[in-house]
Amino acid sequence: MKLKHGVSVLLASTILMAGCTTDRGEIKNYNEQVEKANDTESVVNSVGKKINSLEQEKQKLVKSVSGKDQKEVQKTSKKIVDNVEERKETFKKEEDAYDKSEQQYKKGQKHIENIENKQKQKMVKKYDKAQLEKYKAHKNYAEAYDNVLDKEKAMFKYTSGDNVEQSEIDKKSKEVSKAYKDMNKAFKKYSETMQKVKDEKQQVDSIS
């Protein structure tokens, strides 16, 4: 009887150990996909620096518009339109990088369901949820920033032409201001999801 009991305990232990090893492997495979996804986002830093530089250039151009005659205003407005188009083209690189990152990330989701330990699986699922919220928040932020660029372009394209009315400039200026407010809200939400991802990653790292 004792021998049988000992064998059954040994078998149960072996099964538990095998499950533990399997879980570690699944979490490792999942984390590898997360890292690959993160690697595709590496372009974001260089994009941010370029856009900041272009934003500073735009600010100088906007300040120089005030008090100028119509021809100078038209000339400067065209430069600002060019600046907007360059920012749009630059930001597109970030949007493309995030699309690729999300596609890469989703390749790792299949490993989550294979984690046998329910507590560990729950922790990884929370990390997964944070990741998906990050991608969604970035999409919202990207749409908001694209809207800012569209509104700016419309405004300065208008001021680069003839027959410019102050009332129309005021209207377009308000649209730009609102677009910036919406973008700032979207960026704040995106930043919060980034922090959530970091927090959940620490939890997963503690069990992998």
Protein backbone atom coordinates (compact mmCIF):
# COMPACT_ATOMS: atom_id res chain seq x y z
CA MET A 1 0.00 0.00 0.00
CA LYS A 2 2.76 2.38 0.96
CA LEU A 3 4.60 1.67 -2.27
CA LYS A 4 1.50 2.39 -4.34
CA HIS A 5 0.94 5.60 -2.40
CA GLY A 6 4.56 6.60 -2.98
CA VAL A 7 4.29 5.91 -6.71
CA SER A 8 1.08 7.95 -6.99
CA VAL A 9 2.71 10.90 -5.18
CA LEU A 10 5.73 10.62 -7.45
CA LEU A 11 3.51 10.59 -10.54
CA ALA A 12 1.53 13.60 -9.30
CA SER A 13 4.75 15.48 -8.58
CA THR A 14 6.07 14.64 -12.05
CA ILE A 15 2.87 15.95 -13.65
CA LEU A 16 3.04 19.14 -11.56
CA MET A 17 6.69 19.66 -12.45
CA ALA A 18 5.92 19.09 -16.13
CA GLY A 19 3.12 21.65 -15.94
CA CYS A 20 5.48 24.15 -14.32
CA THR A 21 8.07 23.64 -17.04
CA THR A 22 5.43 23.97 -19.76
CA ASP A 23 4.16 27.22 -18.24
CA ARG A 24 7.64 28.69 -18.14
CA GLY A 25 8.09 27.77 -21.80
CA GLU A 26 4.77 29.32 -22.81
CA ILE A 27 5.48 32.53 -20.89
CA LYS A 28 8.97 32.66 -22.41
CA ASN A 29 7.55 32.26 -25.93
CA TYR A 30 4.94 34.93 -25.22
CA ASN A 31 7.60 37.33 -23.89
CA GLU A 32 9.75 36.75 -26.97
CA GLN A 33 6.89 37.92 -29.19
CA VAL A 34 6.40 40.97 -26.94
CA GLU A 35 10.09 41.83 -27.36
CA LYS A 36 9.89 41.45 -31.13
CA ALA A 37 6.85 43.72 -31.13
CA ASN A 38 8.69 46.28 -29.01
CA ASP A 39 11.66 46.19 -31.38
CA THR A 40 9.46 47.35 -34.26
CA GLU A 41 8.53 50.42 -32.18
CA SER A 42 12.17 51.55 -31.89
CA VAL A 43 11.58 54.10 -34.67
CA VAL A 44 9.23 56.06 -32.37
CA ASN A 45 12.10 57.88 -30.60
CA SER A 46 13.65 59.17 -33.82
CA VAL A 47 10.20 60.12 -35.14
CA GLY A 48 9.50 62.07 -31.94
CA LYS A 49 12.76 64.01 -32.20
CA LYS A 50 12.12 64.87 -35.85
CA ILE A 51 8.56 66.03 -35.15
CA ASN A 52 9.69 68.16 -32.18
CA SER A 53 12.26 69.83 -34.44
CA LEU A 54 9.60 70.49 -37.09
CA GLU A 55 7.20 71.82 -34.44
CA GLN A 56 9.82 74.34 -33.29
CA GLU A 57 10.40 75.36 -36.89
CA LYS A 58 6.64 75.83 -37.33
CA GLN A 59 6.43 78.01 -34.21
CA LYS A 60 9.08 80.33 -35.61
CA LEU A 61 7.24 80.56 -38.92
CA VAL A 62 3.90 81.25 -37.22
CA LYS A 63 5.43 84.05 -35.14
CA SER A 64 6.97 85.59 -38.23
CA VAL A 65 3.56 85.81 -39.96
CA SER A 66 2.25 88.51 -37.62
CA GLY A 67 2.51 92.07 -38.94
CA LYS A 68 3.72 91.07 -42.40
CA ASP A 69 2.23 92.25 -45.68
CA GLN A 70 -0.01 89.89 -47.65
CA LYS A 71 2.71 88.57 -49.95
CA GLU A 72 4.96 87.69 -47.02
CA VAL A 73 2.03 86.07 -45.20
CA GLN A 74 1.26 83.96 -48.28
CA LYS A 75 4.90 82.96 -48.66
CA THR A 76 5.28 82.00 -45.00
CA SER A 77 1.93 80.18 -44.98
CA LYS A 78 3.13 77.99 -47.85
CA LYS A 79 6.23 77.13 -45.82
CA ILE A 80 4.01 76.13 -42.90
CA VAL A 81 1.92 73.93 -45.21
CA ASP A 82 5.16 72.23 -46.34
CA ASN A 83 6.08 71.81 -42.67
CA VAL A 84 2.71 70.17 -41.94
CA GLU A 85 3.16 67.74 -44.82
CA GLU A 86 6.64 66.83 -43.60
CA ARG A 87 5.31 66.19 -40.08
CA LYS A 88 2.52 64.03 -41.52
CA GLU A 89 5.00 62.02 -43.57
CA THR A 90 7.28 61.61 -40.54
CA PHE A 91 4.47 60.58 -38.19
CA LYS A 92 3.29 57.98 -40.71
CA LYS A 93 6.47 56.04 -39.88
CA GLU A 94 5.33 55.79 -36.26
CA GLU A 95 1.83 54.71 -37.26
CA ASP A 96 3.23 52.02 -39.56
CA ALA A 97 5.60 50.84 -36.82
CA TYR A 98 2.73 50.44 -34.36
CA ASP A 99 0.64 48.54 -36.90
CA LYS A 100 3.53 46.10 -37.41
CA SER A 101 4.11 45.91 -33.67
CA GLU A 102 0.48 44.96 -33.01
CA GLN A 103 0.57 42.29 -35.72
CA GLN A 104 3.76 40.87 -34.22
CA TYR A 105 2.38 41.01 -30.69
CA LYS A 106 -0.78 39.09 -31.58
CA LYS A 107 1.35 36.16 -32.72
CA GLY A 108 2.23 35.60 -29.07
CA GLN A 109 -1.31 35.61 -27.70
CA LYS A 110 -1.79 31.90 -28.52
CA HIS A 111 0.68 31.04 -25.76
CA ILE A 112 -1.51 32.61 -23.04
CA GLU A 113 -4.23 29.94 -23.24
CA ASN A 114 -1.58 27.21 -22.95
CA ILE A 115 -0.51 28.38 -19.48
CA GLU A 116 -1.90 25.75 -17.09
CA ASN A 117 -1.39 27.58 -13.80
CA LYS A 118 -4.51 29.74 -13.52
CA GLN A 119 -2.87 32.37 -11.32
CA LYS A 120 0.01 32.82 -13.75
CA GLN A 121 -2.37 32.83 -16.68
CA LYS A 122 -4.44 35.53 -14.99
CA MET A 123 -1.34 37.71 -14.57
CA VAL A 124 -0.33 37.28 -18.21
CA LYS A 125 -3.90 38.04 -19.32
CA LYS A 126 -3.76 41.34 -17.42
CA TYR A 127 -0.51 42.12 -19.25
CA ASP A 128 -2.18 41.18 -22.52
CA LYS A 129 -5.12 43.48 -21.78
CA ALA A 130 -2.73 46.35 -21.02
CA GLN A 131 -0.91 45.75 -24.31
CA LEU A 132 -4.14 45.82 -26.33
CA GLU A 133 -5.27 48.99 -24.56
CA LYS A 134 -1.93 50.57 -25.46
CA TYR A 135 -2.39 49.82 -29.15
CA LYS A 136 -5.96 51.14 -29.06
CA ALA A 137 -4.89 54.31 -27.24
CA HIS A 138 -2.09 54.90 -29.73
CA LYS A 139 -4.54 54.60 -32.62
CA ASN A 140 -6.78 57.22 -30.98
CA TYR A 141 -3.80 59.48 -30.37
CA ALA A 142 -2.59 59.03 -33.97
CA GLU A 143 -6.04 59.90 -35.32
CA ALA A 144 -6.15 62.99 -33.11
CA TYR A 145 -2.69 64.13 -34.23
CA ASP A 146 -3.56 63.53 -37.88
CA ASN A 147 -6.63 65.69 -37.32
CA VAL A 148 -4.41 68.47 -35.91
CA LEU A 149 -2.26 68.33 -39.02
CA ASP A 150 -5.31 68.41 -41.30
CA LYS A 151 -6.73 71.45 -39.50
CA GLU A 152 -3.39 73.27 -39.57
CA LYS A 153 -2.94 72.56 -43.25
CA ALA A 154 -6.45 73.82 -44.03
CA MET A 155 -5.83 77.02 -42.10
CA PHE A 156 -2.49 77.91 -43.62
CA LYS A 157 -3.49 76.81 -47.08
CA TYR A 158 -6.30 79.33 -46.74
CA THR A 159 -3.97 82.13 -45.58
CA SER A 160 -1.58 81.35 -48.45
CA GLY A 161 -4.27 82.27 -50.96
CA ASP A 162 -5.95 85.47 -52.05
CA ASN A 163 -9.28 86.88 -50.77
CA VAL A 164 -8.58 86.04 -47.12
CA GLU A 165 -11.23 86.99 -44.55
CA GLN A 166 -10.39 87.47 -40.87
CA SER A 167 -13.63 85.79 -39.79
CA GLU A 168 -12.64 82.63 -41.69
CA ILE A 169 -9.14 82.71 -40.18
CA ASP A 170 -10.69 82.97 -36.69
CA LYS A 171 -12.97 80.02 -37.45
CA LYS A 172 -10.11 77.84 -38.67
CA SER A 173 -7.92 78.91 -35.75
CA LYS A 174 -10.59 77.70 -33.29
CA GLU A 175 -10.74 74.38 -35.14
CA VAL A 176 -6.98 74.01 -34.76
CA SER A 177 -7.16 74.82 -31.04
CA LYS A 178 -9.90 72.25 -30.48
CA ALA A 179 -7.95 69.64 -32.42
CA TYR A 180 -4.92 70.24 -30.17
CA LYS A 181 -7.03 69.88 -27.02
CA ASP A 182 -8.43 66.59 -28.29
CA MET A 183 -4.94 65.40 -29.17
CA ASN A 184 -3.57 66.27 -25.72
CA LYS A 185 -6.36 64.23 -24.09
CA ALA A 186 -5.64 61.29 -26.38
CA PHE A 187 -1.90 61.51 -25.71
CA LYS A 188 -2.49 61.58 -21.94
CA LYS A 189 -4.57 58.41 -22.21
CA TYR A 190 -1.89 56.78 -24.36
CA SER A 191 0.79 57.70 -21.79
CA GLU A 192 -1.31 56.13 -19.03
CA THR A 193 -1.58 52.86 -20.97
CA MET A 194 2.19 52.84 -21.47
CA GLN A 195 2.66 53.03 -17.70
CA LYS A 196 0.10 50.26 -17.20
CA VAL A 197 2.06 48.05 -19.60
CA LYS A 198 5.25 48.64 -17.59
CA ASP A 199 3.48 47.79 -14.33
CA GLU A 200 1.97 44.56 -15.67
CA LYS A 201 5.28 43.58 -17.29
CA GLN A 202 6.98 43.70 -13.89
CA GLN A 203 4.38 41.28 -12.53
CA VAL A 204 4.89 38.86 -15.43
CA ASP A 205 8.67 39.12 -15.16
CA SER A 206 8.41 37.95 -11.56
CA ILE A 207 6.89 34.60 -12.64
CA SER A 208 8.81 33.95 -15.86
